[in-house]
């Protein structure tokens, strides 16, 4: 497998992270995304006319959407990352993969606006990102009540990998994660996984104060 990769891209990082967690061998082909905009050059446009990355090349197969790449890697090398195989788990994973695209559009858009000065309505992007975070926090609280720390089951799936990077980097778009203890606890659980790798702005778990319990207080 060869990944056309940009080190600062959360979508590319999703692929690198799952590859690391599943011991999937993959070569990286760095792309000069900024400022060179190589992803819009003739070589990469021939692979992906949408002009976006990541792009995964595996023999004659070319995949250009991060969610599809996650499904492919998990199906080949880490089937446990696809859940228990039940229709319910498969549907919930598909739903979270769709949700991850909302995170990309909102939190990712705010990050691009703040960091790379890309055009966009920053306040609207931040508002949409905040609404998505509230939805994610509520879902994680429901999972906590079921005794599960991840989005679909008691172990991580590609649903978690798809949603994690843009959430973790929300502060780059001036969207605070302080109001969301469930999200912070979920991120700690992912960062504690064996094989976890970093990207700029997302670090390994080290010397962090414990998150407060999500259990309701009783007076």
Protein backbone atom coordinates (compact mmCIF):
# COMPACT_ATOMS: atom_id res chain seq x y z
CA UNK A 1 0.00 0.00 0.00
CA UNK A 2 1.09 3.58 -0.68
CA UNK A 3 -0.50 6.57 1.03
CA UNK A 4 -0.28 10.02 -0.52
CA UNK A 5 0.10 11.88 2.74
CA UNK A 6 0.32 15.33 4.30
CA UNK A 7 1.62 15.31 7.86
CA UNK A 8 -0.74 18.09 9.03
CA UNK A 9 -3.87 16.56 7.51
CA UNK A 10 -6.19 14.98 10.10
CA UNK A 11 -7.77 12.88 7.34
CA UNK A 12 -4.38 11.46 6.36
CA UNK A 13 -3.59 10.93 10.03
CA UNK A 14 -6.69 8.74 10.43
CA UNK A 15 -5.20 6.36 7.87
CA UNK A 16 -1.71 6.40 9.39
CA UNK A 17 -3.18 5.81 12.85
CA UNK A 18 -5.29 2.81 11.85
CA UNK A 19 -2.34 1.38 9.90
CA UNK A 20 -0.20 1.65 13.03
CA UNK A 21 -2.86 0.12 15.27
CA UNK A 22 -3.36 -2.83 12.90
CA UNK A 23 0.33 -3.35 12.00
CA UNK A 24 -0.46 -2.61 8.37
CA UNK A 25 2.61 -2.00 6.21
CA UNK A 26 2.27 1.18 4.20
CA UNK A 27 4.70 3.47 2.42
CA UNK A 28 4.16 7.21 2.63
CA UNK A 29 4.42 9.55 -0.33
CA UNK A 30 4.59 13.09 1.12
CA UNK A 31 2.43 15.66 -0.67
CA UNK A 32 3.26 19.39 -0.71
CA UNK A 33 -0.27 20.39 0.27
CA UNK A 34 0.62 23.83 1.61
CA UNK A 35 1.88 26.04 0.17
CA UNK A 36 2.63 24.00 -2.97
CA UNK A 37 -0.92 22.68 -3.57
CA UNK A 38 0.57 19.57 -5.15
CA UNK A 39 -2.75 17.78 -4.57
CA UNK A 40 -4.15 19.93 -7.39
CA UNK A 41 -1.28 19.13 -9.75
CA UNK A 42 -1.58 16.79 -12.75
CA UNK A 43 -0.09 13.68 -11.06
CA UNK A 44 -2.49 13.62 -8.15
CA UNK A 45 -5.49 14.96 -10.07
CA UNK A 46 -5.07 11.93 -12.34
CA UNK A 47 -5.50 9.73 -9.28
CA UNK A 48 -8.22 11.81 -7.64
CA UNK A 49 -10.08 14.32 -9.80
CA UNK A 50 -11.59 15.82 -6.64
CA UNK A 51 -8.15 17.22 -5.83
CA UNK A 52 -8.08 16.03 -2.23
CA UNK A 53 -6.01 13.75 -0.01
CA UNK A 54 -5.56 11.14 1.37
CA UNK A 55 -5.18 8.84 -1.61
CA UNK A 56 -4.44 5.16 -1.05
CA UNK A 57 -2.93 3.10 -3.84
CA UNK A 58 -2.81 -0.69 -3.46
CA UNK A 59 -1.98 -2.35 -6.74
CA UNK A 60 -4.74 -1.38 -9.15
CA UNK A 61 -7.03 -0.18 -6.36
CA UNK A 62 -7.18 3.56 -5.73
CA UNK A 63 -9.24 4.94 -2.84
CA UNK A 64 -9.72 8.66 -2.30
CA UNK A 65 -12.01 8.96 0.74
CA UNK A 66 -10.61 8.48 4.23
CA UNK A 67 -13.68 6.54 5.43
CA UNK A 68 -13.41 4.08 2.54
CA UNK A 69 -9.69 3.68 3.25
CA UNK A 70 -10.41 2.91 6.91
CA UNK A 71 -12.94 0.24 5.90
CA UNK A 72 -10.43 -1.28 3.48
CA UNK A 73 -7.57 -1.43 5.97
CA UNK A 74 -9.77 -2.82 8.74
CA UNK A 75 -11.38 -5.41 6.49
CA UNK A 76 -7.96 -6.64 5.35
CA UNK A 77 -5.84 -6.38 8.45
CA UNK A 78 -7.96 -5.68 11.52
CA UNK A 79 -11.49 -7.07 11.25
CA UNK A 80 -12.09 -6.45 14.95
CA UNK A 81 -12.04 -2.73 14.06
CA UNK A 82 -15.27 -3.30 12.10
CA UNK A 83 -17.23 -4.20 15.24
CA UNK A 84 -18.83 -7.56 15.94
CA UNK A 85 -20.21 -7.96 12.43
CA UNK A 86 -23.83 -7.59 13.46
CA UNK A 87 -26.17 -5.49 11.31
CA UNK A 88 -26.59 -3.10 14.23
CA UNK A 89 -22.85 -2.57 14.68
CA UNK A 90 -22.28 -2.17 10.94
CA UNK A 91 -25.05 0.42 10.72
CA UNK A 92 -23.77 2.36 13.71
CA UNK A 93 -20.26 2.41 12.26
CA UNK A 94 -21.64 3.69 8.95
CA UNK A 95 -23.55 6.38 10.82
CA UNK A 96 -20.42 7.57 12.65
CA UNK A 97 -18.41 7.57 9.43
CA UNK A 98 -21.04 9.91 7.99
CA UNK A 99 -20.89 12.00 11.17
CA UNK A 100 -17.12 12.28 10.76
CA UNK A 101 -17.66 14.14 7.49
CA UNK A 102 -19.61 16.78 9.46
CA UNK A 103 -16.65 17.14 11.79
CA UNK A 104 -14.36 17.60 8.80
CA UNK A 105 -16.61 20.27 7.32
CA UNK A 106 -17.16 22.18 10.58
CA UNK A 107 -14.20 21.76 12.93
CA UNK A 108 -11.86 21.08 10.02
CA UNK A 109 -13.13 24.14 8.19
CA UNK A 110 -12.61 26.32 11.26
CA UNK A 111 -9.07 24.94 11.63
CA UNK A 112 -8.23 25.72 7.99
CA UNK A 113 -9.66 29.21 8.39
CA UNK A 114 -7.62 29.90 11.53
CA UNK A 115 -4.35 28.22 10.53
CA UNK A 116 -4.17 28.64 6.75
CA UNK A 117 -6.48 31.64 6.39
CA UNK A 118 -8.73 29.71 4.03
CA UNK A 119 -11.96 31.53 3.13
CA UNK A 120 -15.04 30.64 5.13
CA UNK A 121 -17.50 31.93 7.71
CA UNK A 122 -15.45 31.16 10.81
CA UNK A 123 -18.25 31.84 13.30
CA UNK A 124 -20.66 29.60 11.39
CA UNK A 125 -18.06 26.83 11.18
CA UNK A 126 -17.35 27.11 14.90
CA UNK A 127 -21.07 27.00 15.71
CA UNK A 128 -21.58 23.90 13.55
CA UNK A 129 -18.54 22.29 15.18
CA UNK A 130 -19.88 23.05 18.65
CA UNK A 131 -23.22 21.46 17.82
CA UNK A 132 -21.42 18.36 16.56
CA UNK A 133 -19.34 18.17 19.73
CA UNK A 134 -22.48 18.38 21.87
CA UNK A 135 -23.98 15.51 19.88
CA UNK A 136 -20.83 13.46 20.32
CA UNK A 137 -20.69 14.20 24.05
CA UNK A 138 -24.29 13.04 24.49
CA UNK A 139 -23.62 9.83 22.56
CA UNK A 140 -20.53 9.06 24.62
CA UNK A 141 -22.47 9.64 27.84
CA UNK A 142 -25.09 7.13 26.68
CA UNK A 143 -22.30 4.66 25.93
CA UNK A 144 -20.83 5.30 29.38
CA UNK A 145 -24.16 4.39 30.96
CA UNK A 146 -24.01 1.11 29.01
CA UNK A 147 -20.53 0.46 30.39
CA UNK A 148 -18.77 1.18 27.09
CA UNK A 149 -16.01 3.72 26.52
CA UNK A 150 -16.10 3.81 22.71
CA UNK A 151 -18.66 4.87 20.13
CA UNK A 152 -19.96 1.47 19.00
CA UNK A 153 -18.84 -1.11 21.55
CA UNK A 154 -16.55 -1.75 24.49
CA UNK A 155 -13.54 -1.71 22.18
CA UNK A 156 -12.52 0.83 19.53
CA UNK A 157 -13.68 0.59 15.93
CA UNK A 158 -13.04 2.64 12.82
CA UNK A 159 -15.91 4.84 13.99
CA UNK A 160 -13.66 6.15 16.76
CA UNK A 161 -10.66 6.55 14.45
CA UNK A 162 -12.78 8.47 11.91
CA UNK A 163 -14.04 10.98 14.48
CA UNK A 164 -10.99 11.37 16.71
CA UNK A 165 -8.56 13.64 14.80
CA UNK A 166 -10.81 16.59 13.98
CA UNK A 167 -12.23 16.52 17.51
CA UNK A 168 -8.77 16.43 19.09
CA UNK A 169 -7.67 19.37 16.92
CA UNK A 170 -10.79 21.46 17.54
CA UNK A 171 -8.80 24.03 19.56
CA UNK A 172 -6.83 24.84 16.38
CA UNK A 173 -10.08 26.37 15.13
CA UNK A 174 -10.67 28.13 18.47
CA UNK A 175 -13.30 25.62 19.57
CA UNK A 176 -12.66 24.61 23.18
CA UNK A 177 -13.00 21.03 24.43
CA UNK A 178 -13.24 22.16 28.07
CA UNK A 179 -17.05 21.70 28.29
CA UNK A 180 -16.90 18.04 27.20
CA UNK A 181 -15.56 15.64 29.87
CA UNK A 182 -16.89 12.59 28.03
CA UNK A 183 -15.03 13.54 24.87
CA UNK A 184 -11.81 14.17 26.77
CA UNK A 185 -12.08 10.80 28.52
CA UNK A 186 -12.77 9.08 25.17
CA UNK A 187 -9.72 10.73 23.64
CA UNK A 188 -7.58 9.55 26.54
CA UNK A 189 -8.79 5.99 25.96
CA UNK A 190 -7.77 6.19 22.29
CA UNK A 191 -4.40 7.76 23.06
CA UNK A 192 -3.69 4.95 25.53
CA UNK A 193 -4.03 2.22 22.86
CA UNK A 194 -0.98 0.10 22.08
CA UNK A 195 0.48 1.29 18.81
CA UNK A 196 -0.97 4.80 19.02
CA UNK A 197 1.01 7.32 16.97
CA UNK A 198 1.14 11.10 17.07
CA UNK A 199 0.67 13.90 14.60
CA UNK A 200 1.50 17.57 15.16
CA UNK A 201 -1.04 18.80 17.71
CA UNK A 202 -2.03 15.30 18.89
CA UNK A 203 0.33 13.77 21.41
CA UNK A 204 0.70 10.48 23.19
CA UNK A 205 -0.81 10.07 26.62
CA UNK A 206 1.66 11.31 29.22
CA UNK A 207 1.55 13.09 32.53
CA UNK A 208 -2.04 14.21 32.21
CA UNK A 209 -4.27 14.76 35.19
CA UNK A 210 -7.08 12.20 35.50
CA UNK A 211 -10.37 13.28 34.02
CA UNK A 212 -13.21 13.69 36.50
CA UNK A 213 -15.65 10.80 36.76
CA UNK A 214 -18.73 10.91 34.56
CA UNK A 215 -20.78 9.30 37.31
CA UNK A 216 -23.56 11.60 38.61
CA UNK A 217 -22.94 13.00 42.06
CA UNK A 218 -25.20 11.93 44.91
CA UNK A 219 -25.83 14.29 47.74
